[in-house]
Amino acid sequence: MMSSSWQRFRLLVHELGASTTFLYLLDRLLRRISSQSGFYYYLFVAQPLADQPRLPPTRGKAFTFRLLQASEPLLGSLDRPPAVIQQRFAQGAQCLAATKNEGLVGCIWFVRGAYAEDEVRADYLLPQDGRCVWDFDVFVVESERLGFLFAKQWDAFDALLKPQGIRYTVSRINAFNQRSIASHRSLGAQDCGQALFLRLGPFQWMLSNQRPFVAFGGRPKLRIGPKGVSGS
């Protein structure tokens, strides 16, 4: 038992590094004590829209894509609370939904200008030049995760936004999730900041390498964007 736990610990340190592993273990402990407490460690990344499609046109032809700007019954299978869906559309978010045989199989949510974080109290402000959007809740059903859908929906996303002058899509990644980090890296994502939030019930504390750097309580506004883009 002790050997197995030690092996898991060594694997965590290898994947996350010593300091991130320490935060991860503290987070697990806090969440056992209270569901309203924990560490939220985010990496912010900017992913350039691809110059060329990732897949040839003959691949992924079974999927169709629709831009949703208001709640529809199709989103009922997404397993998100209706109040969360309504809040997303209320802040101006849109959803690029992928369907197959008229069923939802994937989606990419995105918003322009600013994103109101839904895990902690914070807002992320994008550069004011209009060349970035914020993407979140990128989803692919389990049955399609080994197929063409992941690449196909990013191709559809790029094709939708490039004619509008968008150059980057910006997002935050859970720093404890190495699989998600690797996935973004494979799409050419570049680092553009990080932030650590500690929640203890109603109390929240933030430490970031982006302005305002430190915040005790309140709802800090962080300016996030790719390096070299105006207003980031």
C-alpha atoms as a PDB file:
ATOM      1  CA  MET A   1       0.000   0.000   0.000  1.00  0.00           C
ATOM      2  CA  MET A   2       2.779   2.405   0.994  1.00  0.00           C
ATOM      3  CA  SER A   3       4.751   1.461  -2.133  1.00  0.00           C
ATOM      4  CA  SER A   4       1.751   2.124  -4.358  1.00  0.00           C
ATOM      5  CA  SER A   5       1.134   5.543  -2.778  1.00  0.00           C
ATOM      6  CA  TRP A   6       4.809   6.425  -3.157  1.00  0.00           C
ATOM      7  CA  GLN A   7       4.727   5.449  -6.827  1.00  0.00           C
ATOM      8  CA  ARG A   8       1.669   7.656  -7.426  1.00  0.00           C
ATOM      9  CA  PHE A   9       3.374  10.534  -5.622  1.00  0.00           C
ATOM     10  CA  ARG A  10       6.538  10.167  -7.720  1.00  0.00           C
ATOM     11  CA  LEU A  11       4.438  10.092 -10.894  1.00  0.00           C
ATOM     12  CA  LEU A  12       2.664  13.298  -9.854  1.00  0.00           C
ATOM     13  CA  VAL A  13       5.973  15.042  -9.175  1.00  0.00           C
ATOM     14  CA  HIS A  14       7.275  13.879 -12.552  1.00  0.00           C
ATOM     15  CA  GLU A  15       4.166  15.195 -14.380  1.00  0.00           C
ATOM     16  CA  LEU A  16       3.476  18.386 -12.441  1.00  0.00           C
ATOM     17  CA  GLY A  17       6.738  19.332 -10.745  1.00  0.00           C
ATOM     18  CA  ALA A  18       7.280  19.507  -7.003  1.00  0.00           C
ATOM     19  CA  SER A  19       5.603  22.869  -6.289  1.00  0.00           C
ATOM     20  CA  THR A  20       2.480  22.136  -8.371  1.00  0.00           C
ATOM     21  CA  THR A  21       2.204  18.677  -6.799  1.00  0.00           C
ATOM     22  CA  PHE A  22       2.301  20.291  -3.354  1.00  0.00           C
ATOM     23  CA  LEU A  23      -0.545  22.641  -4.349  1.00  0.00           C
ATOM     24  CA  TYR A  24      -2.499  19.756  -5.854  1.00  0.00           C
ATOM     25  CA  LEU A  25      -2.277  17.714  -2.654  1.00  0.00           C
ATOM     26  CA  LEU A  26      -3.294  20.716  -0.550  1.00  0.00           C
ATOM     27  CA  ASP A  27      -6.236  21.241  -2.891  1.00  0.00           C
ATOM     28  CA  ARG A  28      -7.368  17.623  -2.468  1.00  0.00           C
ATOM     29  CA  LEU A  29      -7.142  17.997   1.322  1.00  0.00           C
ATOM     30  CA  LEU A  30      -9.129  21.249   1.394  1.00  0.00           C
ATOM     31  CA  ARG A  31     -11.884  19.831  -0.810  1.00  0.00           C
ATOM     32  CA  ARG A  32     -12.267  16.862   1.518  1.00  0.00           C
ATOM     33  CA  ILE A  33     -12.764  19.276   4.397  1.00  0.00           C
ATOM     34  CA  SER A  34     -15.187  21.544   2.527  1.00  0.00           C
ATOM     35  CA  SER A  35     -16.660  21.523  -0.983  1.00  0.00           C
ATOM     36  CA  GLN A  36     -16.501  25.337  -0.874  1.00  0.00           C
ATOM     37  CA  SER A  37     -12.724  25.402  -0.438  1.00  0.00           C
ATOM     38  CA  GLY A  38      -9.713  24.632  -2.609  1.00  0.00           C
ATOM     39  CA  PHE A  39      -6.877  25.886  -4.762  1.00  0.00           C
ATOM     40  CA  TYR A  40      -7.565  26.934  -8.341  1.00  0.00           C
ATOM     41  CA  TYR A  41      -4.320  27.141 -10.279  1.00  0.00           C
ATOM     42  CA  TYR A  42      -4.753  28.440 -13.828  1.00  0.00           C
ATOM     43  CA  LEU A  43      -2.427  28.797 -16.787  1.00  0.00           C
ATOM     44  CA  PHE A  44      -3.531  31.317 -19.420  1.00  0.00           C
ATOM     45  CA  VAL A  45      -2.701  30.493 -23.025  1.00  0.00           C
ATOM     46  CA  ALA A  46      -3.221  32.113 -26.408  1.00  0.00           C
ATOM     47  CA  GLN A  47      -3.721  29.812 -29.372  1.00  0.00           C
ATOM     48  CA  PRO A  48      -3.253  31.275 -32.862  1.00  0.00           C
ATOM     49  CA  LEU A  49      -5.887  30.418 -35.418  1.00  0.00           C
ATOM     50  CA  ALA A  50      -4.371  27.947 -37.879  1.00  0.00           C
ATOM     51  CA  ASP A  51      -3.206  29.176 -41.281  1.00  0.00           C
ATOM     52  CA  GLN A  52      -4.410  25.960 -42.915  1.00  0.00           C
ATOM     53  CA  PRO A  53      -7.072  23.382 -41.953  1.00  0.00           C
ATOM     54  CA  ARG A  54      -5.801  20.543 -39.808  1.00  0.00           C
ATOM     55  CA  LEU A  55      -7.804  17.972 -41.780  1.00  0.00           C
ATOM     56  CA  PRO A  56      -8.441  17.509 -45.500  1.00  0.00           C
ATOM     57  CA  PRO A  57     -12.062  18.199 -46.550  1.00  0.00           C
ATOM     58  CA  THR A  58     -12.740  14.469 -46.941  1.00  0.00           C
ATOM     59  CA  ARG A  59     -12.198  13.865 -43.221  1.00  0.00           C
ATOM     60  CA  GLY A  60     -14.950  14.393 -40.663  1.00  0.00           C
ATOM     61  CA  LYS A  61     -17.728  14.764 -43.209  1.00  0.00           C
ATOM     62  CA  ALA A  62     -20.199  13.108 -40.814  1.00  0.00           C
ATOM     63  CA  PHE A  63     -20.160  16.207 -38.593  1.00  0.00           C
ATOM     64  CA  THR A  64     -22.092  19.418 -39.075  1.00  0.00           C
ATOM     65  CA  PHE A  65     -21.582  22.668 -37.167  1.00  0.00           C
ATOM     66  CA  ARG A  66     -24.043  25.288 -35.953  1.00  0.00           C
ATOM     67  CA  LEU A  67     -23.454  28.602 -34.197  1.00  0.00           C
ATOM     68  CA  LEU A  68     -25.810  28.946 -31.226  1.00  0.00           C
ATOM     69  CA  GLN A  69     -26.461  32.374 -29.714  1.00  0.00           C
ATOM     70  CA  ALA A  70     -29.337  31.383 -27.431  1.00  0.00           C
ATOM     71  CA  SER A  71     -30.321  28.275 -25.512  1.00  0.00           C
ATOM     72  CA  GLU A  72     -31.751  25.403 -27.548  1.00  0.00           C
ATOM     73  CA  PRO A  73     -32.974  21.901 -26.617  1.00  0.00           C
ATOM     74  CA  LEU A  74     -29.857  20.530 -28.343  1.00  0.00           C
ATOM     75  CA  LEU A  75     -27.772  21.751 -25.381  1.00  0.00           C
ATOM     76  CA  GLY A  76     -29.777  19.623 -22.966  1.00  0.00           C
ATOM     77  CA  SER A  77     -27.437  16.701 -23.599  1.00  0.00           C
ATOM     78  CA  LEU A  78     -24.391  18.764 -22.612  1.00  0.00           C
ATOM     79  CA  ASP A  79     -24.953  17.965 -18.927  1.00  0.00           C
ATOM     80  CA  ARG A  80     -24.595  21.558 -17.771  1.00  0.00           C
ATOM     81  CA  PRO A  81     -27.177  23.154 -15.438  1.00  0.00           C
ATOM     82  CA  PRO A  82     -29.715  25.278 -17.356  1.00  0.00           C
ATOM     83  CA  ALA A  83     -28.802  28.266 -15.158  1.00  0.00           C
ATOM     84  CA  VAL A  84     -25.162  27.969 -16.271  1.00  0.00           C
ATOM     85  CA  ILE A  85     -26.178  27.864 -19.944  1.00  0.00           C
ATOM     86  CA  GLN A  86     -28.394  30.916 -19.481  1.00  0.00           C
ATOM     87  CA  GLN A  87     -25.608  32.792 -17.690  1.00  0.00           C
ATOM     88  CA  ARG A  88     -23.221  32.101 -20.555  1.00  0.00           C
ATOM     89  CA  PHE A  89     -25.561  33.494 -23.187  1.00  0.00           C
ATOM     90  CA  ALA A  90     -26.407  36.430 -20.899  1.00  0.00           C
ATOM     91  CA  GLN A  91     -22.748  37.553 -20.926  1.00  0.00           C
ATOM     92  CA  GLY A  92     -22.696  37.387 -24.731  1.00  0.00           C
ATOM     93  CA  ALA A  93     -21.102  33.960 -25.178  1.00  0.00           C
ATOM     94  CA  GLN A  94     -21.756  31.855 -28.271  1.00  0.00           C
ATOM     95  CA  CYS A  95     -21.498  28.120 -28.812  1.00  0.00           C
ATOM     96  CA  LEU A  96     -20.183  26.389 -31.915  1.00  0.00           C
ATOM     97  CA  ALA A  97     -22.007  23.074 -31.677  1.00  0.00           C
ATOM     98  CA  ALA A  98     -20.957  19.932 -33.531  1.00  0.00           C
ATOM     99  CA  THR A  99     -23.680  17.430 -34.394  1.00  0.00           C
ATOM    100  CA  LYS A 100     -23.782  13.944 -35.850  1.00  0.00           C
ATOM    101  CA  ASN A 101     -27.065  12.320 -36.831  1.00  0.00           C
ATOM    102  CA  GLU A 102     -28.737  15.397 -35.284  1.00  0.00           C
ATOM    103  CA  GLY A 103     -27.223  14.680 -31.848  1.00  0.00           C
ATOM    104  CA  LEU A 104     -24.744  16.923 -30.027  1.00  0.00           C
ATOM    105  CA  VAL A 105     -21.241  15.414 -30.113  1.00  0.00           C
ATOM    106  CA  GLY A 106     -19.042  18.415 -29.344  1.00  0.00           C
ATOM    107  CA  CYS A 107     -18.870  22.146 -28.821  1.00  0.00           C
ATOM    108  CA  ILE A 108     -16.607  25.142 -28.302  1.00  0.00           C
ATOM    109  CA  TRP A 109     -17.924  28.067 -26.282  1.00  0.00           C
ATOM    110  CA  PHE A 110     -16.445  31.508 -26.833  1.00  0.00           C
ATOM    111  CA  VAL A 111     -17.011  35.136 -25.908  1.00  0.00           C
ATOM    112  CA  ARG A 112     -15.607  38.476 -27.014  1.00  0.00           C
ATOM    113  CA  GLY A 113     -14.195  41.298 -24.918  1.00  0.00           C
ATOM    114  CA  ALA A 114     -14.276  39.721 -21.471  1.00  0.00           C
ATOM    115  CA  TYR A 115     -15.096  36.462 -19.730  1.00  0.00           C
ATOM    116  CA  ALA A 116     -16.686  36.126 -16.299  1.00  0.00           C
ATOM    117  CA  GLU A 117     -14.981  33.148 -14.637  1.00  0.00           C
ATOM    118  CA  ASP A 118     -17.449  30.611 -13.240  1.00  0.00           C
ATOM    119  CA  GLU A 119     -15.168  28.729 -10.803  1.00  0.00           C
ATOM    120  CA  VAL A 120     -13.814  31.699  -8.863  1.00  0.00           C
ATOM    121  CA  ARG A 121     -14.710  35.380  -8.616  1.00  0.00           C
ATOM    122  CA  ALA A 122     -12.669  36.972 -11.413  1.00  0.00           C
ATOM    123  CA  ASP A 123     -13.074  38.560 -14.839  1.00  0.00           C
ATOM    124  CA  TYR A 124     -10.619  38.184 -17.713  1.00  0.00           C
ATOM    125  CA  LEU A 125     -10.328  41.183 -20.026  1.00  0.00           C
ATOM    126  CA  LEU A 126      -9.091  40.591 -23.575  1.00  0.00           C
ATOM    127  CA  PRO A 127      -6.989  43.047 -25.609  1.00  0.00           C
ATOM    128  CA  GLN A 128      -9.077  45.923 -26.936  1.00  0.00           C
ATOM    129  CA  ASP A 129      -7.998  45.576 -30.573  1.00  0.00           C
ATOM    130  CA  GLY A 130     -10.694  42.951 -31.204  1.00  0.00           C
ATOM    131  CA  ARG A 131      -8.321  40.287 -32.531  1.00  0.00           C
ATOM    132  CA  CYS A 132      -8.927  37.799 -29.704  1.00  0.00           C
ATOM    133  CA  VAL A 133     -11.819  35.757 -28.362  1.00  0.00           C
ATOM    134  CA  TRP A 134     -11.992  33.755 -25.146  1.00  0.00           C
ATOM    135  CA  ASP A 135     -12.789  30.041 -25.531  1.00  0.00           C
ATOM    136  CA  PHE A 136     -14.009  27.750 -22.759  1.00  0.00           C
ATOM    137  CA  ASP A 137     -15.742  24.425 -22.150  1.00  0.00           C
ATOM    138  CA  VAL A 138     -14.330  22.688 -25.233  1.00  0.00           C
ATOM    139  CA  PHE A 139     -16.170  19.362 -25.299  1.00  0.00           C
ATOM    140  CA  VAL A 140     -16.095  16.138 -27.330  1.00  0.00           C
ATOM    141  CA  VAL A 141     -18.265  13.144 -26.435  1.00  0.00           C
ATOM    142  CA  GLU A 142     -16.283  10.130 -25.323  1.00  0.00           C
ATOM    143  CA  SER A 143     -17.271   8.048 -28.349  1.00  0.00           C
ATOM    144  CA  GLU A 144     -15.608  10.575 -30.704  1.00  0.00           C
ATOM    145  CA  ARG A 145     -12.432  11.357 -28.765  1.00  0.00           C
ATOM    146  CA  LEU A 146     -10.239   9.002 -30.782  1.00  0.00           C
ATOM    147  CA  GLY A 147     -11.628  10.155 -34.124  1.00  0.00           C
ATOM    148  CA  PHE A 148     -11.537  13.287 -36.261  1.00  0.00           C
ATOM    149  CA  LEU A 149     -13.962  15.477 -34.310  1.00  0.00           C
ATOM    150  CA  PHE A 150     -11.456  17.302 -32.101  1.00  0.00           C
ATOM    151  CA  ALA A 151      -9.445  18.583 -35.076  1.00  0.00           C
ATOM    152  CA  LYS A 152     -12.541  19.087 -37.225  1.00  0.00           C
ATOM    153  CA  GLN A 153     -14.280  21.347 -34.739  1.00  0.00           C
ATOM    154  CA  TRP A 154     -11.160  23.508 -34.348  1.00  0.00           C
ATOM    155  CA  ASP A 155     -11.052  23.804 -38.141  1.00  0.00           C
ATOM    156  CA  ALA A 156     -14.693  24.904 -38.095  1.00  0.00           C
ATOM    157  CA  PHE A 157     -13.944  27.350 -35.288  1.00  0.00           C
ATOM    158  CA  ASP A 158     -11.037  28.880 -37.212  1.00  0.00           C
ATOM    159  CA  ALA A 159     -13.094  29.103 -40.421  1.00  0.00           C
ATOM    160  CA  LEU A 160     -15.853  30.939 -38.541  1.00  0.00           C
ATOM    161  CA  LEU A 161     -13.608  33.527 -36.876  1.00  0.00           C
ATOM    162  CA  LYS A 162     -10.767  34.209 -39.335  1.00  0.00           C
ATOM    163  CA  PRO A 163     -12.960  36.229 -41.753  1.00  0.00           C
ATOM    164  CA  GLN A 164     -13.904  38.420 -38.773  1.00  0.00           C
ATOM    165  CA  GLY A 165     -10.284  39.427 -38.176  1.00  0.00           C
ATOM    166  CA  ILE A 166      -9.729  37.176 -35.166  1.00  0.00           C
ATOM    167  CA  ARG A 167      -6.123  36.011 -34.777  1.00  0.00           C
ATOM    168  CA  TYR A 168      -6.054  34.283 -31.397  1.00  0.00           C
ATOM    169  CA  THR A 169      -8.298  32.394 -29.055  1.00  0.00           C
ATOM    170  CA  VAL A 170      -7.361  32.784 -25.392  1.00  0.00           C
ATOM    171  CA  SER A 171      -8.275  30.435 -22.554  1.00  0.00           C
ATOM    172  CA  ARG A 172      -7.338  29.236 -19.107  1.00  0.00           C
ATOM    173  CA  ILE A 173      -6.221  25.695 -18.289  1.00  0.00           C
ATOM    174  CA  ASN A 174      -6.270  23.905 -14.962  1.00  0.00           C
ATOM    175  CA  ALA A 175      -2.545  23.669 -14.154  1.00  0.00           C
ATOM    176  CA  PHE A 176      -3.169  20.302 -12.485  1.00  0.00           C
ATOM    177  CA  ASN A 177      -4.431  18.838 -15.802  1.00  0.00           C
ATOM    178  CA  GLN A 178      -1.381  17.815 -17.830  1.00  0.00           C
ATOM    179  CA  ARG A 179      -3.501  16.218 -20.556  1.00  0.00           C
ATOM    180  CA  SER A 180      -5.283  19.505 -21.246  1.00  0.00           C
ATOM    181  CA  ILE A 181      -1.996  21.409 -21.206  1.00  0.00           C
ATOM    182  CA  ALA A 182      -0.461  18.980 -23.714  1.00  0.00           C
ATOM    183  CA  SER A 183      -3.544  19.231 -25.935  1.00  0.00           C
ATOM    184  CA  HIS A 184      -3.292  23.034 -26.076  1.00  0.00           C
ATOM    185  CA  ARG A 185       0.453  22.876 -26.700  1.00  0.00           C
ATOM    186  CA  SER A 186      -0.181  20.559 -29.665  1.00  0.00           C
ATOM    187  CA  LEU A 187      -2.402  23.286 -31.159  1.00  0.00           C
ATOM    188  CA  GLY A 188       0.364  25.878 -30.873  1.00  0.00           C
ATOM    189  CA  ALA A 189      -0.780  27.604 -27.668  1.00  0.00           C
ATOM    190  CA  GLN A 190       1.641  30.065 -26.073  1.00  0.00           C
ATOM    191  CA  ASP A 191       1.783  30.992 -22.381  1.00  0.00           C
ATOM    192  CA  CYS A 192       0.446  34.414 -21.440  1.00  0.00           C
ATOM    193  CA  GLY A 193       0.118  34.294 -17.667  1.00  0.00           C
ATOM    194  CA  GLN A 194      -0.966  32.351 -14.628  1.00  0.00           C
ATOM    195  CA  ALA A 195      -3.001  32.857 -11.484  1.00  0.00           C
ATOM    196  CA  LEU A 196      -3.499  31.000  -8.218  1.00  0.00           C
ATOM    197  CA  PHE A 197      -6.756  31.369  -6.300  1.00  0.00           C
ATOM    198  CA  LEU A 198      -7.379  30.092  -2.789  1.00  0.00           C
ATOM    199  CA  ARG A 199     -10.987  29.755  -1.688  1.00  0.00           C
ATOM    200  CA  LEU A 200     -11.910  29.082   1.923  1.00  0.00           C
ATOM    201  CA  GLY A 201     -15.684  29.268   2.045  1.00  0.00           C
ATOM    202  CA  PRO A 202     -16.646  32.887   1.231  1.00  0.00           C
ATOM    203  CA  PHE A 203     -13.031  34.083   1.425  1.00  0.00           C
ATOM    204  CA  GLN A 204     -10.962  34.333  -1.771  1.00  0.00           C
ATOM    205  CA  TRP A 205      -7.321  35.266  -2.273  1.00  0.00           C
ATOM    206  CA  MET A 206      -5.523  35.622  -5.612  1.00  0.00           C
ATOM    207  CA  LEU A 207      -1.863  35.732  -6.624  1.00  0.00           C
ATOM    208  CA  SER A 208      -1.015  36.274 -10.311  1.00  0.00           C
ATOM    209  CA  ASN A 209       1.757  37.431 -12.606  1.00  0.00           C
ATOM    210  CA  GLN A 210      -0.838  39.615 -14.360  1.00  0.00           C
ATOM    211  CA  ARG A 211      -2.227  42.903 -13.041  1.00  0.00           C
ATOM    212  CA  PRO A 212      -3.486  43.481 -10.363  1.00  0.00           C
ATOM    213  CA  PHE A 213      -1.080  40.714  -9.166  1.00  0.00           C
ATOM    214  CA  VAL A 214      -2.647  40.284  -5.701  1.00  0.00           C
ATOM    215  CA  ALA A 215      -6.268  40.495  -4.581  1.00  0.00           C
ATOM    216  CA  PHE A 216      -7.970  39.785  -1.276  1.00  0.00           C
ATOM    217  CA  GLY A 217     -11.698  39.306  -1.808  1.00  0.00           C
ATOM    218  CA  GLY A 218     -13.623  41.283  -4.405  1.00  0.00           C
ATOM    219  CA  ARG A 219     -13.690  40.333  -8.083  1.00  0.00           C
ATOM    220  CA  PRO A 220     -10.313  41.117  -9.664  1.00  0.00           C
ATOM    221  CA  LYS A 221     -10.097  41.953 -13.359  1.00  0.00           C
ATOM    222  CA  LEU A 222      -7.086  40.447 -15.115  1.00  0.00           C
ATOM    223  CA  ARG A 223      -5.966  41.587 -18.546  1.00  0.00           C
ATOM    224  CA  ILE A 224      -5.061  38.476 -20.520  1.00  0.00           C
ATOM    225  CA  GLY A 225      -3.776  38.265 -24.067  1.00  0.00           C
ATOM    226  CA  PRO A 226      -0.968  37.026 -26.291  1.00  0.00           C
ATOM    227  CA  LYS A 227       2.347  38.796 -26.051  1.00  0.00           C
ATOM    228  CA  GLY A 228       2.745  41.608 -28.508  1.00  0.00           C
ATOM    229  CA  VAL A 229      -0.999  42.133 -29.060  1.00  0.00           C
ATOM    230  CA  SER A 230      -2.253  45.618 -28.228  1.00  0.00           C
ATOM    231  CA  GLY A 231      -3.841  45.967 -24.798  1.00  0.00           C
ATOM    232  CA  SER A 232      -2.588  42.648 -23.363  1.00  0.00           C
END
